[in-house]
C-alpha atoms as a PDB file:
ATOM      1  CA  MET A   1     -42.724   4.224  59.713  1.00  0.00           C
ATOM      2  CA  PHE A   2     -45.074   1.794  57.997  1.00  0.00           C
ATOM      3  CA  ILE A   3     -48.176   2.908  56.034  1.00  0.00           C
ATOM      4  CA  CYS A   4     -50.771   0.118  55.949  1.00  0.00           C
ATOM      5  CA  ALA A   5     -54.144  -0.171  54.291  1.00  0.00           C
ATOM      6  CA  ASP A   6     -56.191  -0.995  57.376  1.00  0.00           C
ATOM      7  CA  HIS A   7     -56.197  -0.342  61.104  1.00  0.00           C
ATOM      8  CA  THR A   8     -55.603  -3.989  62.061  1.00  0.00           C
ATOM      9  CA  SER A   9     -52.562  -4.345  59.870  1.00  0.00           C
ATOM     10  CA  ARG A  10     -51.119  -1.117  61.257  1.00  0.00           C
ATOM     11  CA  HIS A  11     -51.524  -2.338  64.841  1.00  0.00           C
ATOM     12  CA  ALA A  12     -49.973  -5.707  63.969  1.00  0.00           C
ATOM     13  CA  THR A  13     -46.981  -3.972  62.457  1.00  0.00           C
ATOM     14  CA  LEU A  14     -46.574  -1.717  65.486  1.00  0.00           C
ATOM     15  CA  ALA A  15     -46.787  -4.742  67.776  1.00  0.00           C
ATOM     16  CA  ARG A  16     -44.007  -6.495  65.889  1.00  0.00           C
ATOM     17  CA  ASP A  17     -41.845  -3.357  65.965  1.00  0.00           C
ATOM     18  CA  THR A  18     -42.412  -2.931  69.697  1.00  0.00           C
ATOM     19  CA  GLN A  19     -41.499  -6.540  70.359  1.00  0.00           C
ATOM     20  CA  THR A  20     -38.310  -6.173  68.315  1.00  0.00           C
ATOM     21  CA  ILE A  21     -37.262  -3.041  70.209  1.00  0.00           C
ATOM     22  CA  ALA A  22     -38.029  -4.649  73.564  1.00  0.00           C
ATOM     23  CA  SER A  23     -35.936  -7.717  72.750  1.00  0.00           C
ATOM     24  CA  PRO A  24     -32.239  -6.880  72.256  1.00  0.00           C
ATOM     25  CA  SER A  25     -31.418 -10.353  71.013  1.00  0.00           C
ATOM     26  CA  SER A  26     -34.148 -10.140  68.420  1.00  0.00           C
ATOM     27  CA  ALA A  27     -32.979  -6.725  67.310  1.00  0.00           C
ATOM     28  CA  LYS A  28     -29.444  -7.990  66.970  1.00  0.00           C
ATOM     29  CA  LYS A  29     -30.619 -11.037  65.069  1.00  0.00           C
ATOM     30  CA  HIS A  30     -32.552  -8.995  62.511  1.00  0.00           C
ATOM     31  CA  LYS A  31     -30.069  -6.129  62.115  1.00  0.00           C
ATOM     32  CA  ARG A  32     -29.263  -5.786  58.451  1.00  0.00           C
ATOM     33  CA  ARG A  33     -25.850  -4.838  57.191  1.00  0.00           C
ATOM     34  CA  THR A  34     -25.492  -1.587  55.318  1.00  0.00           C
ATOM     35  CA  GLN A  35     -24.826  -1.587  51.602  1.00  0.00           C
ATOM     36  CA  ALA A  36     -21.239  -0.513  52.274  1.00  0.00           C
ATOM     37  CA  GLU A  37     -20.772  -3.417  54.705  1.00  0.00           C
ATOM     38  CA  ARG A  38     -22.181  -5.905  52.208  1.00  0.00           C
ATOM     39  CA  ARG A  39     -19.986  -4.528  49.455  1.00  0.00           C
ATOM     40  CA  ALA A  40     -16.871  -4.736  51.654  1.00  0.00           C
ATOM     41  CA  ALA A  41     -17.720  -8.314  52.651  1.00  0.00           C
ATOM     42  CA  THR A  42     -18.140  -9.340  49.015  1.00  0.00           C
ATOM     43  CA  HIS A  43     -14.877  -7.623  48.080  1.00  0.00           C
ATOM     44  CA  THR A  44     -12.989  -9.521  50.786  1.00  0.00           C
ATOM     45  CA  ALA A  45     -14.679 -12.806  49.882  1.00  0.00           C
ATOM     46  CA  LEU A  46     -13.515 -12.416  46.277  1.00  0.00           C
ATOM     47  CA  LEU A  47      -9.918 -11.777  47.351  1.00  0.00           C
ATOM     48  CA  ASP A  48      -9.940 -14.782  49.689  1.00  0.00           C
ATOM     49  CA  ALA A  49     -11.473 -16.911  46.938  1.00  0.00           C
ATOM     50  CA  ALA A  50      -8.731 -15.795  44.559  1.00  0.00           C
ATOM     51  CA  ILE A  51      -6.078 -17.009  47.022  1.00  0.00           C
ATOM     52  CA  ASP A  52      -7.801 -20.396  47.254  1.00  0.00           C
ATOM     53  CA  CYS A  53      -8.047 -20.709  43.476  1.00  0.00           C
ATOM     54  CA  LEU A  54      -4.416 -19.755  42.883  1.00  0.00           C
ATOM     55  CA  VAL A  55      -3.301 -22.369  45.402  1.00  0.00           C
ATOM     56  CA  GLU A  56      -5.594 -25.080  44.044  1.00  0.00           C
ATOM     57  CA  TYR A  57      -5.505 -24.436  40.285  1.00  0.00           C
ATOM     58  CA  GLY A  58      -2.426 -22.262  39.672  1.00  0.00           C
ATOM     59  CA  TYR A  59      -2.378 -18.938  37.837  1.00  0.00           C
ATOM     60  CA  ALA A  60      -3.152 -20.286  34.347  1.00  0.00           C
ATOM     61  CA  LYS A  61      -6.325 -22.102  35.447  1.00  0.00           C
ATOM     62  CA  THR A  62      -7.569 -19.445  37.852  1.00  0.00           C
ATOM     63  CA  THR A  63     -10.451 -17.743  36.063  1.00  0.00           C
ATOM     64  CA  THR A  64     -12.857 -15.048  37.197  1.00  0.00           C
ATOM     65  CA  ARG A  65     -15.681 -17.567  36.942  1.00  0.00           C
ATOM     66  CA  ARG A  66     -13.922 -19.970  39.291  1.00  0.00           C
ATOM     67  CA  ILE A  67     -13.194 -17.144  41.718  1.00  0.00           C
ATOM     68  CA  ALA A  68     -16.834 -16.036  41.642  1.00  0.00           C
ATOM     69  CA  GLU A  69     -18.033 -19.593  42.248  1.00  0.00           C
ATOM     70  CA  ARG A  70     -15.617 -20.008  45.179  1.00  0.00           C
ATOM     71  CA  ALA A  71     -16.828 -16.717  46.671  1.00  0.00           C
ATOM     72  CA  ALA A  72     -20.472 -17.729  46.082  1.00  0.00           C
ATOM     73  CA  VAL A  73     -21.254 -14.630  44.011  1.00  0.00           C
ATOM     74  CA  SER A  74     -22.310 -14.146  40.409  1.00  0.00           C
ATOM     75  CA  PRO A  75     -19.820 -13.284  37.658  1.00  0.00           C
ATOM     76  CA  GLY A  76     -21.678  -9.996  37.320  1.00  0.00           C
ATOM     77  CA  ALA A  77     -21.059  -9.186  40.991  1.00  0.00           C
ATOM     78  CA  LEU A  78     -17.359  -9.894  40.527  1.00  0.00           C
ATOM     79  CA  GLN A  79     -17.298  -7.610  37.477  1.00  0.00           C
ATOM     80  CA  HIS A  80     -18.850  -4.876  39.609  1.00  0.00           C
ATOM     81  CA  HIS A  81     -15.839  -5.038  41.943  1.00  0.00           C
ATOM     82  CA  PHE A  82     -13.042  -5.814  39.486  1.00  0.00           C
ATOM     83  CA  ALA A  83     -12.902  -4.878  35.825  1.00  0.00           C
ATOM     84  CA  SER A  84     -10.591  -7.769  34.936  1.00  0.00           C
ATOM     85  CA  LYS A  85      -8.755 -10.788  36.302  1.00  0.00           C
ATOM     86  CA  ALA A  86      -5.543  -8.756  36.312  1.00  0.00           C
ATOM     87  CA  ALA A  87      -7.181  -5.977  38.347  1.00  0.00           C
ATOM     88  CA  LEU A  88      -8.402  -8.500  40.931  1.00  0.00           C
ATOM     89  CA  LEU A  89      -5.095 -10.324  41.183  1.00  0.00           C
ATOM     90  CA  GLY A  90      -3.185  -7.055  41.194  1.00  0.00           C
ATOM     91  CA  GLU A  91      -5.063  -5.890  44.286  1.00  0.00           C
ATOM     92  CA  LEU A  92      -4.437  -9.298  45.825  1.00  0.00           C
ATOM     93  CA  ILE A  93      -0.738  -8.466  46.306  1.00  0.00           C
ATOM     94  CA  GLY A  94      -1.431  -5.664  48.778  1.00  0.00           C
ATOM     95  CA  TYR A  95      -4.197  -7.663  50.433  1.00  0.00           C
ATOM     96  CA  MET A  96      -1.884 -10.601  51.123  1.00  0.00           C
ATOM     97  CA  ARG A  97       0.900  -8.329  52.332  1.00  0.00           C
ATOM     98  CA  ALA A  98      -1.554  -6.805  54.810  1.00  0.00           C
ATOM     99  CA  LYS A  99      -2.689 -10.263  55.932  1.00  0.00           C
ATOM    100  CA  THR A 100       0.939 -11.272  56.445  1.00  0.00           C
ATOM    101  CA  MET A 101       1.666  -8.251  58.616  1.00  0.00           C
ATOM    102  CA  SER A 102      -1.567  -8.764  60.520  1.00  0.00           C
ATOM    103  CA  GLU A 103      -0.538 -12.332  61.274  1.00  0.00           C
ATOM    104  CA  MET A 104       2.915 -11.190  62.365  1.00  0.00           C
ATOM    105  CA  PHE A 105       1.437  -8.616  64.749  1.00  0.00           C
ATOM    106  CA  ALA A 106      -1.485 -10.739  65.975  1.00  0.00           C
ATOM    107  CA  GLU A 107       0.646 -12.579  68.540  1.00  0.00           C
ATOM    108  CA  GLY A 108       2.462  -9.422  69.581  1.00  0.00           C
ATOM    109  CA  VAL A 109       6.114  -9.179  70.569  1.00  0.00           C
ATOM    110  CA  PRO A 110       7.290 -12.523  72.043  1.00  0.00           C
ATOM    111  CA  SER A 111       7.379 -12.287  75.827  1.00  0.00           C
ATOM    112  CA  THR A 112      10.940 -13.321  76.589  1.00  0.00           C
ATOM    113  CA  GLY A 113      13.825 -11.514  78.203  1.00  0.00           C
ATOM    114  CA  SER A 114      16.300 -13.027  75.750  1.00  0.00           C
ATOM    115  CA  ILE A 115      16.983 -11.001  72.628  1.00  0.00           C
ATOM    116  CA  ARG A 116      18.211 -14.119  70.840  1.00  0.00           C
ATOM    117  CA  LYS A 117      15.091 -16.090  71.762  1.00  0.00           C
ATOM    118  CA  ARG A 118      12.866 -13.234  70.573  1.00  0.00           C
ATOM    119  CA  HIS A 119      14.657 -13.205  67.209  1.00  0.00           C
ATOM    120  CA  GLU A 120      14.275 -16.982  66.902  1.00  0.00           C
ATOM    121  CA  LEU A 121      10.565 -16.891  67.745  1.00  0.00           C
ATOM    122  CA  LEU A 122       9.941 -14.119  65.224  1.00  0.00           C
ATOM    123  CA  LEU A 123      11.825 -16.024  62.535  1.00  0.00           C
ATOM    124  CA  ASP A 124       9.724 -19.115  63.293  1.00  0.00           C
ATOM    125  CA  ARG A 125       6.576 -17.017  63.025  1.00  0.00           C
ATOM    126  CA  MET A 126       7.615 -15.666  59.636  1.00  0.00           C
ATOM    127  CA  TRP A 127       8.567 -19.159  58.461  1.00  0.00           C
ATOM    128  CA  ARG A 128       5.064 -20.414  59.251  1.00  0.00           C
ATOM    129  CA  ILE A 129       3.696 -17.627  57.062  1.00  0.00           C
ATOM    130  CA  TYR A 130       5.983 -18.583  54.177  1.00  0.00           C
ATOM    131  CA  ARG A 131       4.699 -22.122  54.445  1.00  0.00           C
ATOM    132  CA  GLY A 132       1.066 -20.998  54.184  1.00  0.00           C
ATOM    133  CA  PRO A 133      -1.321 -20.480  51.238  1.00  0.00           C
ATOM    134  CA  PRO A 134      -0.641 -16.729  50.743  1.00  0.00           C
ATOM    135  CA  PHE A 135       2.994 -17.395  49.820  1.00  0.00           C
ATOM    136  CA  THR A 136       1.977 -20.070  47.313  1.00  0.00           C
ATOM    137  CA  ALA A 137      -0.516 -17.624  45.807  1.00  0.00           C
ATOM    138  CA  LEU A 138       2.182 -14.935  45.597  1.00  0.00           C
ATOM    139  CA  ILE A 139       4.470 -17.282  43.698  1.00  0.00           C
ATOM    140  CA  GLU A 140       1.674 -18.056  41.243  1.00  0.00           C
ATOM    141  CA  LEU A 141       1.135 -14.323  40.722  1.00  0.00           C
ATOM    142  CA  ALA A 142       4.846 -13.778  40.112  1.00  0.00           C
ATOM    143  CA  ILE A 143       4.825 -16.553  37.508  1.00  0.00           C
ATOM    144  CA  GLY A 144       1.764 -15.060  35.835  1.00  0.00           C
ATOM    145  CA  ALA A 145       3.148 -11.514  35.822  1.00  0.00           C
ATOM    146  CA  ARG A 146       6.226 -12.623  33.894  1.00  0.00           C
ATOM    147  CA  THR A 147       4.132 -13.038  30.730  1.00  0.00           C
ATOM    148  CA  ASP A 148       1.122 -10.842  31.579  1.00  0.00           C
ATOM    149  CA  PRO A 149       1.933  -7.126  31.116  1.00  0.00           C
ATOM    150  CA  GLU A 150      -1.382  -6.000  32.637  1.00  0.00           C
ATOM    151  CA  LEU A 151      -0.830  -8.018  35.807  1.00  0.00           C
ATOM    152  CA  LEU A 152       2.791  -6.862  35.957  1.00  0.00           C
ATOM    153  CA  GLN A 153       1.615  -3.264  35.827  1.00  0.00           C
ATOM    154  CA  HIS A 154      -0.792  -3.891  38.717  1.00  0.00           C
ATOM    155  CA  ILE A 155       1.813  -5.473  40.973  1.00  0.00           C
ATOM    156  CA  ALA A 156       4.616  -3.033  40.174  1.00  0.00           C
ATOM    157  CA  GLY A 157       5.887  -1.498  43.377  1.00  0.00           C
ATOM    158  CA  ALA A 158       5.103  -4.532  45.537  1.00  0.00           C
ATOM    159  CA  HIS A 159       8.752  -4.652  46.607  1.00  0.00           C
ATOM    160  CA  ASP A 160       8.575  -1.022  47.773  1.00  0.00           C
ATOM    161  CA  GLU A 161       5.394  -1.795  49.696  1.00  0.00           C
ATOM    162  CA  MET A 162       7.102  -4.684  51.486  1.00  0.00           C
ATOM    163  CA  GLY A 163       9.955  -2.330  52.331  1.00  0.00           C
ATOM    164  CA  ARG A 164       7.537   0.076  53.981  1.00  0.00           C
ATOM    165  CA  LEU A 165       5.991  -2.739  55.997  1.00  0.00           C
ATOM    166  CA  ASN A 166       9.425  -3.893  57.148  1.00  0.00           C
ATOM    167  CA  ALA A 167      10.304  -0.344  58.180  1.00  0.00           C
ATOM    168  CA  MET A 168       7.109  -0.170  60.217  1.00  0.00           C
ATOM    169  CA  ALA A 169       7.636  -3.529  61.951  1.00  0.00           C
ATOM    170  CA  ALA A 170      11.375  -3.313  62.642  1.00  0.00           C
ATOM    171  CA  PRO A 171      11.345  -0.818  65.556  1.00  0.00           C
ATOM    172  CA  ILE A 172       8.482  -2.715  67.197  1.00  0.00           C
ATOM    173  CA  PHE A 173      10.045  -6.160  67.076  1.00  0.00           C
ATOM    174  CA  PHE A 174      13.689  -5.112  67.327  1.00  0.00           C
ATOM    175  CA  PRO A 175      13.747  -1.841  69.327  1.00  0.00           C
ATOM    176  CA  GLU A 176      17.331  -2.275  70.545  1.00  0.00           C
ATOM    177  CA  HIS A 177      18.573  -2.241  66.933  1.00  0.00           C
ATOM    178  CA  ALA A 178      16.012   0.175  65.459  1.00  0.00           C
ATOM    179  CA  GLU A 179      18.599   2.887  64.775  1.00  0.00           C
ATOM    180  CA  ARG A 180      21.006   0.565  62.998  1.00  0.00           C
ATOM    181  CA  ALA A 181      21.103   1.115  59.245  1.00  0.00           C
ATOM    182  CA  GLU A 182      21.878  -2.573  58.751  1.00  0.00           C
ATOM    183  CA  LEU A 183      18.630  -3.785  60.368  1.00  0.00           C
ATOM    184  CA  ILE A 184      16.261  -3.513  57.376  1.00  0.00           C
ATOM    185  CA  PRO A 185      18.741  -5.100  54.911  1.00  0.00           C
ATOM    186  CA  LEU A 186      19.200  -7.951  57.394  1.00  0.00           C
ATOM    187  CA  ILE A 187      15.432  -8.462  57.591  1.00  0.00           C
ATOM    188  CA  VAL A 188      15.233  -8.501  53.787  1.00  0.00           C
ATOM    189  CA  SER A 189      18.094 -11.013  53.576  1.00  0.00           C
ATOM    190  CA  GLY A 190      16.356 -13.270  56.071  1.00  0.00           C
ATOM    191  CA  GLN A 191      13.079 -13.051  54.155  1.00  0.00           C
ATOM    192  CA  SER A 192      14.852 -13.827  50.892  1.00  0.00           C
ATOM    193  CA  THR A 193      16.464 -16.887  52.454  1.00  0.00           C
ATOM    194  CA  MET A 194      13.099 -18.108  53.729  1.00  0.00           C
ATOM    195  CA  ARG A 195      11.497 -17.578  50.321  1.00  0.00           C
ATOM    196  CA  GLY A 196      14.214 -19.633  48.673  1.00  0.00           C
ATOM    197  CA  LEU A 197      13.811 -22.468  51.155  1.00  0.00           C
ATOM    198  CA  ALA A 198      10.022 -22.417  50.827  1.00  0.00           C
ATOM    199  CA  LEU A 199      10.340 -22.542  47.025  1.00  0.00           C
ATOM    200  CA  MET A 200      12.231 -25.823  47.349  1.00  0.00           C
ATOM    201  CA  GLY A 201       9.082 -27.285  48.860  1.00  0.00           C
ATOM    202  CA  LEU A 202       6.799 -25.883  46.156  1.00  0.00           C
ATOM    203  CA  ALA A 203       9.098 -27.232  43.459  1.00  0.00           C
ATOM    204  CA  GLY A 204       9.158 -30.655  45.088  1.00  0.00           C
ATOM    205  CA  GLU A 205      12.927 -30.585  45.492  1.00  0.00           C
ATOM    206  CA  ALA A 206      12.875 -31.337  49.219  1.00  0.00           C
ATOM    207  CA  ASP A 207      10.800 -31.019  52.351  1.00  0.00           C
ATOM    208  CA  PRO A 208      11.982 -27.635  53.656  1.00  0.00           C
ATOM    209  CA  ASP A 209      10.686 -27.968  57.225  1.00  0.00           C
ATOM    210  CA  PRO A 210      13.466 -30.306  58.448  1.00  0.00           C
ATOM    211  CA  LEU A 211      15.960 -27.866  56.916  1.00  0.00           C
ATOM    212  CA  TRP A 212      14.508 -24.844  58.679  1.00  0.00           C
ATOM    213  CA  PRO A 213      16.329 -25.137  62.066  1.00  0.00           C
ATOM    214  CA  ALA A 214      19.754 -25.063  60.386  1.00  0.00           C
ATOM    215  CA  THR A 215      18.673 -22.235  58.093  1.00  0.00           C
ATOM    216  CA  ARG A 216      17.410 -20.248  61.071  1.00  0.00           C
ATOM    217  CA  ALA A 217      20.759 -20.764  62.821  1.00  0.00           C
ATOM    218  CA  HIS A 218      22.560 -19.369  59.752  1.00  0.00           C
ATOM    219  CA  ILE A 219      20.293 -16.314  59.682  1.00  0.00           C
ATOM    220  CA  MET A 220      20.888 -15.769  63.390  1.00  0.00           C
ATOM    221  CA  ALA A 221      24.665 -16.030  62.910  1.00  0.00           C
ATOM    222  CA  MET A 222      24.514 -13.473  60.106  1.00  0.00           C
ATOM    223  CA  ASN A 223      22.465 -11.089  62.274  1.00  0.00           C
ATOM    224  CA  ALA A 224      24.872 -11.465  65.210  1.00  0.00           C
ATOM    225  CA  GLN A 225      27.897 -10.772  63.041  1.00  0.00           C
ATOM    226  CA  VAL A 226      26.482  -7.774  61.173  1.00  0.00           C
ATOM    227  CA  LEU A 227      24.887  -6.153  64.218  1.00  0.00           C
ATOM    228  CA  GLY A 228      27.822  -7.052  66.468  1.00  0.00           C
ATOM    229  CA  ASP A 229      25.444  -7.963  69.281  1.00  0.00           C
ATOM    230  CA  PRO A 230      26.815 -10.701  71.578  1.00  0.00           C
ATOM    231  CA  GLU A 231      23.300 -11.364  72.875  1.00  0.00           C
ATOM    232  CA  LEU A 232      22.390 -12.761  69.459  1.00  0.00           C
ATOM    233  CA  SER A 233      25.195 -15.319  69.600  1.00  0.00           C
ATOM    234  CA  PRO A 234      24.451 -18.865  70.800  1.00  0.00           C
END
């Protein structure tokens, strides 16, 4: 309700309110986000900005001021969300893991009747993720944590978190092997191989993309041998 000084102003206000209610598009246009929604949006913007800065500047040159500028917020607003650079970057680990899993699940289970083809398509999907900005940002965080005890404390347990995510995804993507104890270690071995190949690209040693088909074939051969599934063989 609006309390106005004069009768005319009150009627004008009521007229505007009535018009807004009568026009759904207008109401939608002028709907304001709640404080919680604005806070969540700012929080996410800061995390996304941190990824961009890590990729562009590296860990050493990624500062809270640069992150705030990239997110289009004030340094004070960033401080309201994160007490330190290490706290922000420490939370970034879980955020990027969640983004990775979201990207893996976004396309669903590949629609093919071939178990081998499904494995190949899922490996290709994961390889695309390892070639993206989040992986580069993760490497920068790992480099920074080596000499930053506060950051190392924040990201401790990231390996266990990835293990939980793998355990959640495995029965969905590989239901026929879900009960096999070897499945999760095989997934981890494949991920480790992809990380190593992707690192070659970041280090400038070689272009890893032309090497990926052969690497994928080696991972598939390992899976076929360990799981003893003839459908995984070429």
